């Protein structure tokens, strides 16, 4: 599965995710047991960003709206 395929949660989860739901850096990760998490790709290169931010995110210096 490509990053684009798992970039964002479905509509039901959008409200719980806050800004991450529409951020180009967010990736939806699903465990083998079916748990779903939002990963911030910015965390790979910048320690200011948590790998799995506490949701909902209402303010983020790295937020960039996805196309």
PDB file of N, CA and C in Angstrom:
ATOM      1  N   UNK A   1       0.852  -1.183   0.000  1.00  0.00           N
ATOM      2  CA  UNK A   1       0.000   0.000   0.000  1.00  0.00           C
ATOM      3  C   UNK A   1       0.889   1.234   0.000  1.00  0.00           C
ATOM      4  N   UNK A   2       0.624   2.185  -0.851  1.00  0.00           N
ATOM      5  CA  UNK A   2       1.435   3.394  -0.929  1.00  0.00           C
ATOM      6  C   UNK A   2       1.045   4.373   0.160  1.00  0.00           C
ATOM      7  N   UNK A   3       1.919   5.371   0.423  1.00  0.00           N
ATOM      8  CA  UNK A   3       1.609   6.411   1.410  1.00  0.00           C
ATOM      9  C   UNK A   3       0.331   7.139   1.056  1.00  0.00           C
ATOM     10  N   UNK A   4       0.096   7.356  -0.233  1.00  0.00           N
ATOM     11  CA  UNK A   4      -1.110   8.079  -0.636  1.00  0.00           C
ATOM     12  C   UNK A   4      -2.370   7.315  -0.250  1.00  0.00           C
ATOM     13  N   UNK A   5      -2.317   6.001  -0.345  1.00  0.00           N
ATOM     14  CA  UNK A   5      -3.477   5.171  -0.015  1.00  0.00           C
ATOM     15  C   UNK A   5      -3.861   5.247   1.450  1.00  0.00           C
ATOM     16  N   UNK A   6      -2.893   5.483   2.330  1.00  0.00           N
ATOM     17  CA  UNK A   6      -3.191   5.498   3.757  1.00  0.00           C
ATOM     18  C   UNK A   6      -2.922   6.861   4.389  1.00  0.00           C
ATOM     19  N   UNK A   7      -3.031   7.897   3.605  1.00  0.00           N
ATOM     20  CA  UNK A   7      -2.683   9.229   4.096  1.00  0.00           C
ATOM     21  C   UNK A   7      -3.654   9.742   5.146  1.00  0.00           C
ATOM     22  N   UNK A   8      -4.932   9.602   4.956  1.00  0.00           N
ATOM     23  CA  UNK A   8      -5.905  10.244   5.826  1.00  0.00           C
ATOM     24  C   UNK A   8      -6.981   9.283   6.308  1.00  0.00           C
ATOM     25  N   UNK A   9      -7.520   9.578   7.496  1.00  0.00           N
ATOM     26  CA  UNK A   9      -8.610   8.756   8.010  1.00  0.00           C
ATOM     27  C   UNK A   9      -9.904   9.038   7.263  1.00  0.00           C
ATOM     28  N   UNK A  10     -10.890   8.177   7.463  1.00  0.00           N
ATOM     29  CA  UNK A  10     -12.182   8.406   6.835  1.00  0.00           C
ATOM     30  C   UNK A  10     -12.917   9.539   7.552  1.00  0.00           C
ATOM     31  N   UNK A  11     -14.046   9.976   7.016  1.00  0.00           N
ATOM     32  CA  UNK A  11     -14.787  11.124   7.520  1.00  0.00           C
ATOM     33  C   UNK A  11     -15.150  11.005   8.994  1.00  0.00           C
ATOM     34  N   UNK A  12     -15.513   9.830   9.459  1.00  0.00           N
ATOM     35  CA  UNK A  12     -15.894   9.644  10.855  1.00  0.00           C
ATOM     36  C   UNK A  12     -14.735   9.971  11.797  1.00  0.00           C
ATOM     37  N   UNK A  13     -13.537   9.739  11.356  1.00  0.00           N
ATOM     38  CA  UNK A  13     -12.366  10.011  12.201  1.00  0.00           C
ATOM     39  C   UNK A  13     -11.846  11.439  12.037  1.00  0.00           C
ATOM     40  N   UNK A  14     -12.246  12.132  10.983  1.00  0.00           N
ATOM     41  CA  UNK A  14     -11.744  13.481  10.730  1.00  0.00           C
ATOM     42  C   UNK A  14     -11.961  14.418  11.912  1.00  0.00           C
ATOM     43  N   UNK A  15     -13.139  14.378  12.515  1.00  0.00           N
ATOM     44  CA  UNK A  15     -13.435  15.287  13.631  1.00  0.00           C
ATOM     45  C   UNK A  15     -12.548  14.993  14.829  1.00  0.00           C
ATOM     46  N   UNK A  16     -12.232  13.743  15.060  1.00  0.00           N
ATOM     47  CA  UNK A  16     -11.372  13.383  16.195  1.00  0.00           C
ATOM     48  C   UNK A  16      -9.910  13.727  15.929  1.00  0.00           C
ATOM     49  N   UNK A  17      -9.509  13.793  14.677  1.00  0.00           N
ATOM     50  CA  UNK A  17      -8.114  14.041  14.332  1.00  0.00           C
ATOM     51  C   UNK A  17      -7.759  15.516  14.299  1.00  0.00           C
ATOM     52  N   UNK A  18      -8.725  16.391  14.106  1.00  0.00           N
ATOM     53  CA  UNK A  18      -8.433  17.816  14.002  1.00  0.00           C
ATOM     54  C   UNK A  18      -7.667  18.115  12.722  1.00  0.00           C
ATOM     55  N   UNK A  19      -6.613  18.918  12.834  1.00  0.00           N
ATOM     56  CA  UNK A  19      -5.844  19.336  11.657  1.00  0.00           C
ATOM     57  C   UNK A  19      -5.204  18.170  10.918  1.00  0.00           C
ATOM     58  N   UNK A  20      -4.850  17.133  11.641  1.00  0.00           N
ATOM     59  CA  UNK A  20      -4.181  15.988  10.999  1.00  0.00           C
ATOM     60  C   UNK A  20      -5.034  15.370   9.886  1.00  0.00           C
ATOM     61  N   UNK A  21      -6.336  15.482   9.992  1.00  0.00           N
ATOM     62  CA  UNK A  21      -7.229  14.883   8.997  1.00  0.00           C
ATOM     63  C   UNK A  21      -7.012  15.460   7.601  1.00  0.00           C
ATOM     64  N   UNK A  22      -6.543  16.698   7.523  1.00  0.00           N
ATOM     65  CA  UNK A  22      -6.347  17.318   6.209  1.00  0.00           C
ATOM     66  C   UNK A  22      -4.898  17.725   5.963  1.00  0.00           C
ATOM     67  N   UNK A  23      -3.974  17.227   6.766  1.00  0.00           N
ATOM     68  CA  UNK A  23      -2.559  17.604   6.625  1.00  0.00           C
ATOM     69  C   UNK A  23      -1.824  16.638   5.701  1.00  0.00           C
ATOM     70  N   UNK A  24      -1.011  17.193   4.835  1.00  0.00           N
ATOM     71  CA  UNK A  24      -0.257  16.366   3.888  1.00  0.00           C
ATOM     72  C   UNK A  24       0.799  15.499   4.572  1.00  0.00           C
ATOM     73  N   UNK A  25       1.150  15.783   5.812  1.00  0.00           N
ATOM     74  CA  UNK A  25       2.176  15.029   6.523  1.00  0.00           C
ATOM     75  C   UNK A  25       1.612  13.867   7.342  1.00  0.00           C
ATOM     76  N   UNK A  26       0.297  13.781   7.453  1.00  0.00           N
ATOM     77  CA  UNK A  26      -0.338  12.725   8.254  1.00  0.00           C
ATOM     78  C   UNK A  26      -0.455  11.440   7.441  1.00  0.00           C
ATOM     79  N   UNK A  27      -0.163  10.328   8.109  1.00  0.00           N
ATOM     80  CA  UNK A  27      -0.291   9.010   7.490  1.00  0.00           C
ATOM     81  C   UNK A  27      -1.122   8.139   8.419  1.00  0.00           C
ATOM     82  N   UNK A  28      -2.104   7.471   7.881  1.00  0.00           N
ATOM     83  CA  UNK A  28      -2.928   6.562   8.669  1.00  0.00           C
ATOM     84  C   UNK A  28      -2.239   5.207   8.714  1.00  0.00           C
ATOM     85  N   UNK A  29      -1.988   4.731   9.928  1.00  0.00           N
ATOM     86  CA  UNK A  29      -1.332   3.445  10.142  1.00  0.00           C
ATOM     87  C   UNK A  29      -2.344   2.511  10.794  1.00  0.00           C
ATOM     88  N   UNK A  30      -2.472   1.300  10.277  1.00  0.00           N
ATOM     89  CA  UNK A  30      -3.375   0.323  10.865  1.00  0.00           C
ATOM     90  C   UNK A  30      -2.578  -0.891  11.311  1.00  0.00           C
ATOM     91  N   UNK A  31      -2.766  -1.274  12.573  1.00  0.00           N
ATOM     92  CA  UNK A  31      -2.041  -2.426  13.108  1.00  0.00           C
ATOM     93  C   UNK A  31      -2.674  -3.725  12.617  1.00  0.00           C
ATOM     94  N   UNK A  32      -1.986  -4.827  12.853  1.00  0.00           N
ATOM     95  CA  UNK A  32      -2.515  -6.144  12.485  1.00  0.00           C
ATOM     96  C   UNK A  32      -3.813  -6.461  13.221  1.00  0.00           C
ATOM     97  N   UNK A  33      -4.003  -5.833  14.376  1.00  0.00           N
ATOM     98  CA  UNK A  33      -5.207  -6.057  15.178  1.00  0.00           C
ATOM     99  C   UNK A  33      -6.331  -5.092  14.831  1.00  0.00           C
ATOM    100  N   UNK A  34      -6.100  -4.195  13.871  1.00  0.00           N
ATOM    101  CA  UNK A  34      -7.141  -3.284  13.435  1.00  0.00           C
ATOM    102  C   UNK A  34      -7.144  -1.924  14.106  1.00  0.00           C
ATOM    103  N   UNK A  35      -6.217  -1.671  15.032  1.00  0.00           N
ATOM    104  CA  UNK A  35      -6.112  -0.344  15.643  1.00  0.00           C
ATOM    105  C   UNK A  35      -5.562   0.625  14.610  1.00  0.00           C
ATOM    106  N   UNK A  36      -6.055   1.865  14.653  1.00  0.00           N
ATOM    107  CA  UNK A  36      -5.635   2.865  13.681  1.00  0.00           C
ATOM    108  C   UNK A  36      -4.995   4.048  14.403  1.00  0.00           C
ATOM    109  N   UNK A  37      -3.887   4.537  13.828  1.00  0.00           N
ATOM    110  CA  UNK A  37      -3.128   5.632  14.404  1.00  0.00           C
ATOM    111  C   UNK A  37      -2.751   6.608  13.304  1.00  0.00           C
ATOM    112  N   UNK A  38      -2.633   7.883  13.656  1.00  0.00           N
ATOM    113  CA  UNK A  38      -2.126   8.868  12.712  1.00  0.00           C
ATOM    114  C   UNK A  38      -0.663   9.143  13.030  1.00  0.00           C
ATOM    115  N   UNK A  39       0.188   8.942  12.048  1.00  0.00           N
ATOM    116  CA  UNK A  39       1.615   9.184  12.170  1.00  0.00           C
ATOM    117  C   UNK A  39       1.934  10.515  11.518  1.00  0.00           C
ATOM    118  N   UNK A  40       2.751  11.326  12.161  1.00  0.00           N
ATOM    119  CA  UNK A  40       3.199  12.588  11.569  1.00  0.00           C
ATOM    120  C   UNK A  40       4.538  12.345  10.885  1.00  0.00           C
ATOM    121  N   UNK A  41       4.574  12.457   9.572  1.00  0.00           N
ATOM    122  CA  UNK A  41       5.802  12.211   8.812  1.00  0.00           C
ATOM    123  C   UNK A  41       6.884  13.240   9.123  1.00  0.00           C
ATOM    124  N   UNK A  42       6.505  14.409   9.623  1.00  0.00           N
ATOM    125  CA  UNK A  42       7.495  15.426   9.985  1.00  0.00           C
ATOM    126  C   UNK A  42       8.367  14.951  11.147  1.00  0.00           C
ATOM    127  N   UNK A  43       7.865  14.026  11.944  1.00  0.00           N
ATOM    128  CA  UNK A  43       8.613  13.540  13.106  1.00  0.00           C
ATOM    129  C   UNK A  43       9.902  12.827  12.700  1.00  0.00           C
ATOM    130  N   UNK A  44       9.975  12.361  11.489  1.00  0.00           N
ATOM    131  CA  UNK A  44      11.179  11.657  11.024  1.00  0.00           C
ATOM    132  C   UNK A  44      12.405  12.562  10.996  1.00  0.00           C
ATOM    133  N   UNK A  45      12.202  13.842  10.682  1.00  0.00           N
ATOM    134  CA  UNK A  45      13.329  14.764  10.528  1.00  0.00           C
ATOM    135  C   UNK A  45      13.337  15.905  11.536  1.00  0.00           C
ATOM    136  N   UNK A  46      12.264  16.070  12.302  1.00  0.00           N
ATOM    137  CA  UNK A  46      12.161  17.218  13.203  1.00  0.00           C
ATOM    138  C   UNK A  46      11.570  16.774  14.536  1.00  0.00           C
ATOM    139  N   UNK A  47      12.365  16.846  15.581  1.00  0.00           N
ATOM    140  CA  UNK A  47      11.945  16.364  16.893  1.00  0.00           C
ATOM    141  C   UNK A  47      10.852  17.213  17.548  1.00  0.00           C
ATOM    142  N   UNK A  48      10.524  18.363  16.970  1.00  0.00           N
ATOM    143  CA  UNK A  48       9.423  19.174  17.502  1.00  0.00           C
ATOM    144  C   UNK A  48       8.075  18.486  17.290  1.00  0.00           C
ATOM    145  N   UNK A  49       8.007  17.558  16.361  1.00  0.00           N
ATOM    146  CA  UNK A  49       6.752  16.895  16.014  1.00  0.00           C
ATOM    147  C   UNK A  49       6.734  15.482  16.576  1.00  0.00           C
ATOM    148  N   UNK A  50       5.651  15.165  17.295  1.00  0.00           N
ATOM    149  CA  UNK A  50       5.497  13.835  17.872  1.00  0.00           C
ATOM    150  C   UNK A  50       5.149  12.829  16.776  1.00  0.00           C
ATOM    151  N   UNK A  51       5.695  11.636  16.861  1.00  0.00           N
ATOM    152  CA  UNK A  51       5.430  10.603  15.858  1.00  0.00           C
ATOM    153  C   UNK A  51       3.933  10.307  15.793  1.00  0.00           C
ATOM    154  N   UNK A  52       3.307  10.138  16.952  1.00  0.00           N
ATOM    155  CA  UNK A  52       1.866   9.900  17.032  1.00  0.00           C
ATOM    156  C   UNK A  52       1.264  10.991  17.924  1.00  0.00           C
ATOM    157  N   UNK A  53       0.851  12.122  17.341  1.00  0.00           N
ATOM    158  CA  UNK A  53       0.351  13.238  18.149  1.00  0.00           C
ATOM    159  C   UNK A  53      -0.943  12.904  18.878  1.00  0.00           C
ATOM    160  N   UNK A  54      -1.125  13.557  20.021  1.00  0.00           N
ATOM    161  CA  UNK A  54      -2.367  13.420  20.766  1.00  0.00           C
ATOM    162  C   UNK A  54      -3.471  14.140  19.997  1.00  0.00           C
ATOM    163  N   UNK A  55      -4.549  13.440  19.754  1.00  0.00           N
ATOM    164  CA  UNK A  55      -5.639  14.006  18.950  1.00  0.00           C
ATOM    165  C   UNK A  55      -6.756  14.527  19.844  1.00  0.00           C
ATOM    166  N   UNK A  56      -7.458  15.548  19.428  1.00  0.00           N
ATOM    167  CA  UNK A  56      -7.350  16.245  18.154  1.00  0.00           C
ATOM    168  C   UNK A  56      -6.236  17.287  18.184  1.00  0.00           C
ATOM    169  N   UNK A  57      -5.563  17.462  17.066  1.00  0.00           N
ATOM    170  CA  UNK A  57      -4.556  18.507  16.923  1.00  0.00           C
ATOM    171  C   UNK A  57      -5.286  19.763  16.454  1.00  0.00           C
ATOM    172  N   UNK A  58      -5.179  20.825  17.235  1.00  0.00           N
ATOM    173  CA  UNK A  58      -5.883  22.071  16.897  1.00  0.00           C
ATOM    174  C   UNK A  58      -4.925  23.182  16.459  1.00  0.00           C
ATOM    175  N   UNK A  59      -3.624  22.986  16.706  1.00  0.00           N
ATOM    176  CA  UNK A  59      -2.616  23.968  16.319  1.00  0.00           C
ATOM    177  C   UNK A  59      -1.337  23.215  16.018  1.00  0.00           C
ATOM    178  N   UNK A  60      -0.718  23.490  14.862  1.00  0.00           N
ATOM    179  CA  UNK A  60       0.490  22.781  14.484  1.00  0.00           C
ATOM    180  C   UNK A  60       1.336  23.657  13.559  1.00  0.00           C
ATOM    181  N   UNK A  61       2.600  23.864  13.926  1.00  0.00           N
ATOM    182  CA  UNK A  61       3.514  24.674  13.115  1.00  0.00           C
ATOM    183  C   UNK A  61       3.833  24.013  11.772  1.00  0.00           C
ATOM    184  N   UNK A  62       3.671  22.711  11.682  1.00  0.00           N
ATOM    185  CA  UNK A  62       4.009  22.000  10.445  1.00  0.00           C
ATOM    186  C   UNK A  62       2.816  21.724   9.539  1.00  0.00           C
ATOM    187  N   UNK A  63       1.639  22.186   9.930  1.00  0.00           N
ATOM    188  CA  UNK A  63       0.428  21.877   9.153  1.00  0.00           C
ATOM    189  C   UNK A  63       0.519  22.430   7.738  1.00  0.00           C
ATOM    190  N   UNK A  64       0.254  21.572   6.773  1.00  0.00           N
ATOM    191  CA  UNK A  64       0.128  21.955   5.366  1.00  0.00           C
ATOM    192  C   UNK A  64      -1.060  21.198   4.797  1.00  0.00           C
ATOM    193  N   UNK A  65      -2.040  21.945   4.327  1.00  0.00           N
ATOM    194  CA  UNK A  65      -3.255  21.338   3.788  1.00  0.00           C
ATOM    195  C   UNK A  65      -2.919  20.479   2.573  1.00  0.00           C
ATOM    196  N   UNK A  66      -3.442  19.272   2.550  1.00  0.00           N
ATOM    197  CA  UNK A  66      -3.207  18.386   1.415  1.00  0.00           C
ATOM    198  C   UNK A  66      -4.110  18.775   0.252  1.00  0.00           C
ATOM    199  N   UNK A  67      -3.679  18.408  -0.928  1.00  0.00           N
ATOM    200  CA  UNK A  67      -4.447  18.733  -2.146  1.00  0.00           C
ATOM    201  C   UNK A  67      -5.611  17.820  -2.332  1.00  0.00           C
TER     202      UNK A  67
END
